[in-house]
Amino acid sequence: MPENSKPYDLEERTYNFAVQCRDMVKRLAKTTPNLEYGRQLIRSSGSQAANYIEANEALGKKDFAMRVKICRKETKESCLWLRLCDAGENSDLEQERLRLLKEAGELRNIFTAILRKAS
């Protein structure tokens, strides 16, 4: 981590969440549902990361709040896709799915707290 980086850099955390979701999807069984849920998970997890970057470049308080609301919405959506993905009999993959589900819940709580402070 670079010296000037904060230890809990939310841009980095949302990026890592998106990368980890992508990597988990690559390991899922290539069933029709997993292919579709995986695509949706990759989109929503990447969107929350991109919108957080946009929030940090907001044009004003309202723009910031709207971007963070989108982050929260996309993170909630990621929770759904994570719940729907089927790890099958692979216990390591199932543990990864549950860990990502927990991280998504924590990110959602962080975005909710940011919104409370911003209003």
N, C-alpha and C. Protein backbone atom coordinates (compact mmCIF):
# COMPACT_ATOMS: atom_id res chain seq x y z
N MET A 1 0.86 -1.18 0.00
CA MET A 1 0.00 0.00 0.00
C MET A 1 0.90 1.24 0.00
N PRO A 2 0.64 2.23 -0.85
CA PRO A 2 1.46 3.44 -0.89
C PRO A 2 1.46 4.15 0.46
N GLU A 3 2.56 4.87 0.74
CA GLU A 3 2.71 5.56 2.01
C GLU A 3 1.59 6.55 2.31
N ASN A 4 1.15 7.30 1.30
CA ASN A 4 0.13 8.34 1.53
C ASN A 4 -1.29 7.78 1.52
N SER A 5 -1.43 6.47 1.37
CA SER A 5 -2.75 5.86 1.33
C SER A 5 -3.29 5.65 2.74
N LYS A 6 -4.59 5.89 2.91
CA LYS A 6 -5.24 5.64 4.19
C LYS A 6 -5.37 4.14 4.39
N PRO A 7 -5.29 3.65 5.64
CA PRO A 7 -5.38 2.21 5.85
C PRO A 7 -6.74 1.63 5.46
N TYR A 8 -7.79 2.44 5.50
CA TYR A 8 -9.12 1.95 5.14
C TYR A 8 -9.65 2.72 3.94
N ASP A 9 -8.88 2.77 2.90
CA ASP A 9 -9.24 3.48 1.68
C ASP A 9 -10.43 2.78 1.02
N LEU A 10 -11.57 3.45 1.04
CA LEU A 10 -12.80 2.85 0.53
C LEU A 10 -12.75 2.65 -0.99
N GLU A 11 -12.06 3.50 -1.71
CA GLU A 11 -11.90 3.28 -3.15
C GLU A 11 -11.19 1.95 -3.39
N GLU A 12 -10.14 1.71 -2.64
CA GLU A 12 -9.38 0.47 -2.78
C GLU A 12 -10.23 -0.73 -2.33
N ARG A 13 -10.97 -0.55 -1.27
CA ARG A 13 -11.81 -1.65 -0.75
C ARG A 13 -12.90 -2.03 -1.73
N THR A 14 -13.55 -1.03 -2.34
CA THR A 14 -14.60 -1.34 -3.32
C THR A 14 -14.00 -1.98 -4.57
N TYR A 15 -12.83 -1.51 -4.97
CA TYR A 15 -12.11 -2.11 -6.10
C TYR A 15 -11.80 -3.58 -5.81
N ASN A 16 -11.25 -3.83 -4.63
CA ASN A 16 -10.90 -5.21 -4.25
C ASN A 16 -12.13 -6.10 -4.21
N PHE A 17 -13.25 -5.57 -3.72
CA PHE A 17 -14.49 -6.34 -3.69
C PHE A 17 -14.89 -6.74 -5.12
N ALA A 18 -14.82 -5.80 -6.04
CA ALA A 18 -15.18 -6.08 -7.44
C ALA A 18 -14.25 -7.14 -8.04
N VAL A 19 -12.96 -7.02 -7.78
CA VAL A 19 -11.99 -7.99 -8.30
C VAL A 19 -12.25 -9.38 -7.72
N GLN A 20 -12.51 -9.44 -6.43
CA GLN A 20 -12.76 -10.72 -5.78
C GLN A 20 -14.05 -11.36 -6.27
N CYS A 21 -15.07 -10.55 -6.54
CA CYS A 21 -16.30 -11.07 -7.12
C CYS A 21 -16.03 -11.65 -8.50
N ARG A 22 -15.29 -10.91 -9.31
CA ARG A 22 -14.94 -11.39 -10.66
C ARG A 22 -14.19 -12.72 -10.57
N ASP A 23 -13.22 -12.79 -9.66
CA ASP A 23 -12.43 -14.01 -9.54
C ASP A 23 -13.27 -15.19 -9.06
N MET A 24 -14.22 -14.93 -8.15
CA MET A 24 -15.10 -16.00 -7.70
C MET A 24 -15.97 -16.51 -8.85
N VAL A 25 -16.50 -15.58 -9.64
CA VAL A 25 -17.36 -15.97 -10.77
C VAL A 25 -16.59 -16.86 -11.75
N LYS A 26 -15.32 -16.59 -11.95
CA LYS A 26 -14.50 -17.41 -12.85
C LYS A 26 -14.44 -18.86 -12.38
N ARG A 27 -14.56 -19.07 -11.07
CA ARG A 27 -14.43 -20.41 -10.50
C ARG A 27 -15.76 -21.15 -10.39
N LEU A 28 -16.88 -20.46 -10.63
CA LEU A 28 -18.19 -21.11 -10.53
C LEU A 28 -18.39 -22.12 -11.65
N ALA A 29 -19.19 -23.14 -11.37
CA ALA A 29 -19.58 -24.10 -12.41
C ALA A 29 -20.29 -23.33 -13.52
N LYS A 30 -20.04 -23.71 -14.75
CA LYS A 30 -20.60 -22.99 -15.90
C LYS A 30 -22.02 -23.45 -16.22
N THR A 31 -22.92 -23.33 -15.24
CA THR A 31 -24.33 -23.63 -15.47
C THR A 31 -25.01 -22.37 -16.00
N THR A 32 -26.17 -22.54 -16.61
CA THR A 32 -26.89 -21.38 -17.14
C THR A 32 -27.20 -20.34 -16.06
N PRO A 33 -27.74 -20.75 -14.89
CA PRO A 33 -27.99 -19.74 -13.86
C PRO A 33 -26.71 -19.04 -13.38
N ASN A 34 -25.65 -19.82 -13.13
CA ASN A 34 -24.40 -19.20 -12.67
C ASN A 34 -23.82 -18.23 -13.68
N LEU A 35 -23.94 -18.55 -14.95
CA LEU A 35 -23.43 -17.63 -15.98
C LEU A 35 -24.17 -16.29 -15.90
N GLU A 36 -25.50 -16.35 -15.78
CA GLU A 36 -26.27 -15.10 -15.73
C GLU A 36 -26.07 -14.37 -14.41
N TYR A 37 -26.16 -15.08 -13.29
CA TYR A 37 -25.96 -14.43 -11.99
C TYR A 37 -24.55 -13.88 -11.87
N GLY A 38 -23.59 -14.61 -12.40
CA GLY A 38 -22.20 -14.15 -12.37
C GLY A 38 -22.00 -12.86 -13.16
N ARG A 39 -22.61 -12.78 -14.34
CA ARG A 39 -22.52 -11.54 -15.14
C ARG A 39 -23.10 -10.36 -14.35
N GLN A 40 -24.25 -10.61 -13.75
CA GLN A 40 -24.90 -9.54 -12.98
C GLN A 40 -24.04 -9.14 -11.78
N LEU A 41 -23.44 -10.11 -11.11
CA LEU A 41 -22.58 -9.83 -9.96
C LEU A 41 -21.37 -9.00 -10.38
N ILE A 42 -20.77 -9.36 -11.49
CA ILE A 42 -19.61 -8.60 -11.97
C ILE A 42 -20.02 -7.16 -12.28
N ARG A 43 -21.18 -6.98 -12.90
CA ARG A 43 -21.65 -5.62 -13.22
C ARG A 43 -21.93 -4.81 -11.96
N SER A 44 -22.69 -5.38 -11.02
CA SER A 44 -23.07 -4.60 -9.83
C SER A 44 -21.88 -4.32 -8.93
N SER A 45 -20.98 -5.27 -8.77
CA SER A 45 -19.82 -5.03 -7.90
C SER A 45 -18.88 -4.00 -8.53
N GLY A 46 -18.73 -4.05 -9.84
CA GLY A 46 -17.92 -3.04 -10.52
C GLY A 46 -18.57 -1.67 -10.50
N SER A 47 -19.89 -1.65 -10.59
CA SER A 47 -20.62 -0.38 -10.57
C SER A 47 -20.49 0.32 -9.23
N GLN A 48 -20.56 -0.44 -8.13
CA GLN A 48 -20.43 0.22 -6.83
C GLN A 48 -19.03 0.81 -6.68
N ALA A 49 -18.03 0.14 -7.20
CA ALA A 49 -16.66 0.67 -7.13
C ALA A 49 -16.53 1.93 -7.99
N ALA A 50 -17.06 1.88 -9.20
CA ALA A 50 -16.97 3.03 -10.11
C ALA A 50 -17.75 4.23 -9.57
N ASN A 51 -18.92 3.97 -9.01
CA ASN A 51 -19.71 5.08 -8.48
C ASN A 51 -19.10 5.69 -7.23
N TYR A 52 -18.34 4.91 -6.46
CA TYR A 52 -17.66 5.50 -5.30
C TYR A 52 -16.55 6.44 -5.78
N ILE A 53 -15.85 6.06 -6.83
CA ILE A 53 -14.84 6.96 -7.41
C ILE A 53 -15.51 8.24 -7.88
N GLU A 54 -16.66 8.10 -8.55
CA GLU A 54 -17.41 9.26 -9.02
C GLU A 54 -17.88 10.13 -7.84
N ALA A 55 -18.28 9.50 -6.75
CA ALA A 55 -18.73 10.26 -5.57
C ALA A 55 -17.60 11.14 -5.05
N ASN A 56 -16.39 10.62 -5.08
CA ASN A 56 -15.24 11.39 -4.59
C ASN A 56 -14.89 12.55 -5.52
N GLU A 57 -15.43 12.53 -6.72
CA GLU A 57 -15.22 13.62 -7.67
C GLU A 57 -16.52 14.41 -7.88
N ALA A 58 -17.41 14.33 -6.93
CA ALA A 58 -18.73 14.93 -7.07
C ALA A 58 -18.65 16.44 -7.27
N LEU A 59 -19.67 16.96 -7.97
CA LEU A 59 -19.75 18.38 -8.25
C LEU A 59 -20.35 19.17 -7.10
N GLY A 60 -20.95 18.47 -6.17
CA GLY A 60 -21.56 19.12 -5.02
C GLY A 60 -22.10 18.08 -4.06
N LYS A 61 -22.72 18.58 -3.00
CA LYS A 61 -23.24 17.71 -1.95
C LYS A 61 -24.34 16.76 -2.47
N LYS A 62 -25.23 17.30 -3.30
CA LYS A 62 -26.32 16.48 -3.85
C LYS A 62 -25.78 15.40 -4.77
N ASP A 63 -24.82 15.76 -5.60
CA ASP A 63 -24.20 14.81 -6.52
C ASP A 63 -23.50 13.71 -5.72
N PHE A 64 -22.79 14.10 -4.67
CA PHE A 64 -22.10 13.14 -3.81
C PHE A 64 -23.11 12.16 -3.21
N ALA A 65 -24.19 12.69 -2.63
CA ALA A 65 -25.20 11.84 -2.00
C ALA A 65 -25.83 10.89 -3.01
N MET A 66 -26.11 11.36 -4.20
CA MET A 66 -26.72 10.51 -5.22
C MET A 66 -25.77 9.38 -5.62
N ARG A 67 -24.50 9.67 -5.78
CA ARG A 67 -23.53 8.63 -6.15
C ARG A 67 -23.40 7.59 -5.04
N VAL A 68 -23.38 8.03 -3.80
CA VAL A 68 -23.28 7.09 -2.68
C VAL A 68 -24.55 6.24 -2.59
N LYS A 69 -25.70 6.83 -2.89
CA LYS A 69 -26.95 6.06 -2.91
C LYS A 69 -26.87 4.97 -3.98
N ILE A 70 -26.30 5.30 -5.12
CA ILE A 70 -26.12 4.31 -6.19
C ILE A 70 -25.16 3.22 -5.72
N CYS A 71 -24.09 3.60 -5.02
CA CYS A 71 -23.16 2.61 -4.47
C CYS A 71 -23.90 1.64 -3.56
N ARG A 72 -24.71 2.19 -2.68
CA ARG A 72 -25.46 1.34 -1.74
C ARG A 72 -26.42 0.42 -2.50
N LYS A 73 -27.11 0.96 -3.49
CA LYS A 73 -28.05 0.16 -4.29
C LYS A 73 -27.33 -0.97 -5.01
N GLU A 74 -26.21 -0.66 -5.63
CA GLU A 74 -25.45 -1.68 -6.37
C GLU A 74 -24.86 -2.72 -5.43
N THR A 75 -24.49 -2.32 -4.22
CA THR A 75 -23.96 -3.26 -3.25
C THR A 75 -25.06 -4.20 -2.77
N LYS A 76 -26.26 -3.65 -2.56
CA LYS A 76 -27.39 -4.50 -2.18
C LYS A 76 -27.70 -5.49 -3.30
N GLU A 77 -27.58 -5.04 -4.53
CA GLU A 77 -27.81 -5.92 -5.66
C GLU A 77 -26.75 -7.02 -5.70
N SER A 78 -25.51 -6.65 -5.41
CA SER A 78 -24.44 -7.66 -5.37
C SER A 78 -24.76 -8.74 -4.34
N CYS A 79 -25.36 -8.35 -3.22
CA CYS A 79 -25.77 -9.33 -2.21
C CYS A 79 -26.73 -10.35 -2.80
N LEU A 80 -27.68 -9.89 -3.57
CA LEU A 80 -28.65 -10.80 -4.19
C LEU A 80 -27.94 -11.78 -5.11
N TRP A 81 -27.08 -11.28 -6.00
CA TRP A 81 -26.41 -12.15 -6.97
C TRP A 81 -25.49 -13.14 -6.25
N LEU A 82 -24.84 -12.69 -5.18
CA LEU A 82 -24.00 -13.61 -4.40
C LEU A 82 -24.85 -14.72 -3.77
N ARG A 83 -26.02 -14.35 -3.29
CA ARG A 83 -26.91 -15.35 -2.69
C ARG A 83 -27.39 -16.36 -3.74
N LEU A 84 -27.58 -15.90 -4.97
CA LEU A 84 -28.10 -16.77 -6.02
C LEU A 84 -27.04 -17.65 -6.68
N CYS A 85 -25.78 -17.23 -6.64
CA CYS A 85 -24.71 -18.05 -7.23
C CYS A 85 -24.62 -19.38 -6.50
N ASP A 86 -24.41 -20.44 -7.25
CA ASP A 86 -24.37 -21.79 -6.69
C ASP A 86 -22.94 -22.32 -6.73
N ALA A 87 -22.33 -22.47 -5.55
CA ALA A 87 -20.97 -22.99 -5.46
C ALA A 87 -20.93 -24.51 -5.59
N GLY A 88 -22.09 -25.13 -5.60
CA GLY A 88 -22.14 -26.59 -5.72
C GLY A 88 -21.51 -27.26 -4.52
N GLU A 89 -20.75 -28.29 -4.76
CA GLU A 89 -20.12 -29.07 -3.69
C GLU A 89 -18.75 -28.51 -3.30
N ASN A 90 -18.33 -27.43 -3.90
CA ASN A 90 -17.01 -26.86 -3.63
C ASN A 90 -17.06 -26.03 -2.34
N SER A 91 -16.59 -26.59 -1.25
CA SER A 91 -16.68 -25.90 0.05
C SER A 91 -15.80 -24.65 0.10
N ASP A 92 -14.65 -24.67 -0.57
CA ASP A 92 -13.79 -23.47 -0.60
C ASP A 92 -14.50 -22.33 -1.32
N LEU A 93 -15.14 -22.64 -2.42
CA LEU A 93 -15.87 -21.64 -3.18
C LEU A 93 -17.07 -21.12 -2.39
N GLU A 94 -17.72 -22.01 -1.66
CA GLU A 94 -18.85 -21.60 -0.83
C GLU A 94 -18.38 -20.66 0.29
N GLN A 95 -17.24 -20.95 0.88
CA GLN A 95 -16.68 -20.07 1.92
C GLN A 95 -16.35 -18.69 1.33
N GLU A 96 -15.81 -18.68 0.11
CA GLU A 96 -15.51 -17.42 -0.57
C GLU A 96 -16.79 -16.63 -0.84
N ARG A 97 -17.82 -17.32 -1.28
CA ARG A 97 -19.12 -16.68 -1.54
C ARG A 97 -19.67 -16.06 -0.26
N LEU A 98 -19.60 -16.78 0.83
CA LEU A 98 -20.10 -16.27 2.12
C LEU A 98 -19.26 -15.09 2.62
N ARG A 99 -17.94 -15.17 2.41
CA ARG A 99 -17.07 -14.06 2.81
C ARG A 99 -17.40 -12.80 2.00
N LEU A 100 -17.63 -12.96 0.71
CA LEU A 100 -17.98 -11.82 -0.14
C LEU A 100 -19.35 -11.27 0.23
N LEU A 101 -20.25 -12.14 0.61
CA LEU A 101 -21.58 -11.69 1.06
C LEU A 101 -21.44 -10.85 2.33
N LYS A 102 -20.57 -11.26 3.23
CA LYS A 102 -20.32 -10.49 4.45
C LYS A 102 -19.69 -9.14 4.11
N GLU A 103 -18.73 -9.14 3.20
CA GLU A 103 -18.08 -7.88 2.79
C GLU A 103 -19.10 -6.94 2.14
N ALA A 104 -19.98 -7.48 1.32
CA ALA A 104 -21.02 -6.65 0.69
C ALA A 104 -21.91 -6.02 1.77
N GLY A 105 -22.26 -6.78 2.79
CA GLY A 105 -23.06 -6.23 3.88
C GLY A 105 -22.33 -5.12 4.62
N GLU A 106 -21.03 -5.30 4.84
CA GLU A 106 -20.25 -4.26 5.50
C GLU A 106 -20.15 -3.00 4.64
N LEU A 107 -19.95 -3.18 3.34
CA LEU A 107 -19.90 -2.02 2.44
C LEU A 107 -21.24 -1.29 2.43
N ARG A 108 -22.32 -2.03 2.40
CA ARG A 108 -23.65 -1.41 2.43
C ARG A 108 -23.81 -0.57 3.70
N ASN A 109 -23.38 -1.11 4.83
CA ASN A 109 -23.45 -0.37 6.09
C ASN A 109 -22.59 0.89 6.06
N ILE A 110 -21.44 0.80 5.45
CA ILE A 110 -20.55 1.97 5.33
C ILE A 110 -21.22 3.04 4.48
N PHE A 111 -21.79 2.64 3.35
CA PHE A 111 -22.46 3.62 2.48
C PHE A 111 -23.65 4.25 3.18
N THR A 112 -24.37 3.47 3.96
CA THR A 112 -25.50 4.01 4.74
C THR A 112 -25.01 5.03 5.74
N ALA A 113 -23.91 4.75 6.42
CA ALA A 113 -23.35 5.68 7.40
C ALA A 113 -22.86 6.97 6.73
N ILE A 114 -22.25 6.83 5.57
CA ILE A 114 -21.80 8.01 4.81
C ILE A 114 -23.00 8.90 4.47
N LEU A 115 -24.09 8.27 4.03
CA LEU A 115 -25.28 9.03 3.66
C LEU A 115 -25.88 9.75 4.86
N ARG A 116 -25.87 9.09 6.01
CA ARG A 116 -26.40 9.74 7.22
C ARG A 116 -25.58 10.99 7.58
N LYS A 117 -24.26 10.86 7.47
CA LYS A 117 -23.38 11.99 7.80
C LYS A 117 -23.49 13.10 6.75
N ALA A 118 -23.76 12.73 5.52
CA ALA A 118 -23.81 13.71 4.43
C ALA A 118 -25.09 14.54 4.45
N SER A 119 -26.15 14.03 5.13
CA SER A 119 -27.40 14.79 5.11
C SER A 119 -27.56 15.72 6.27
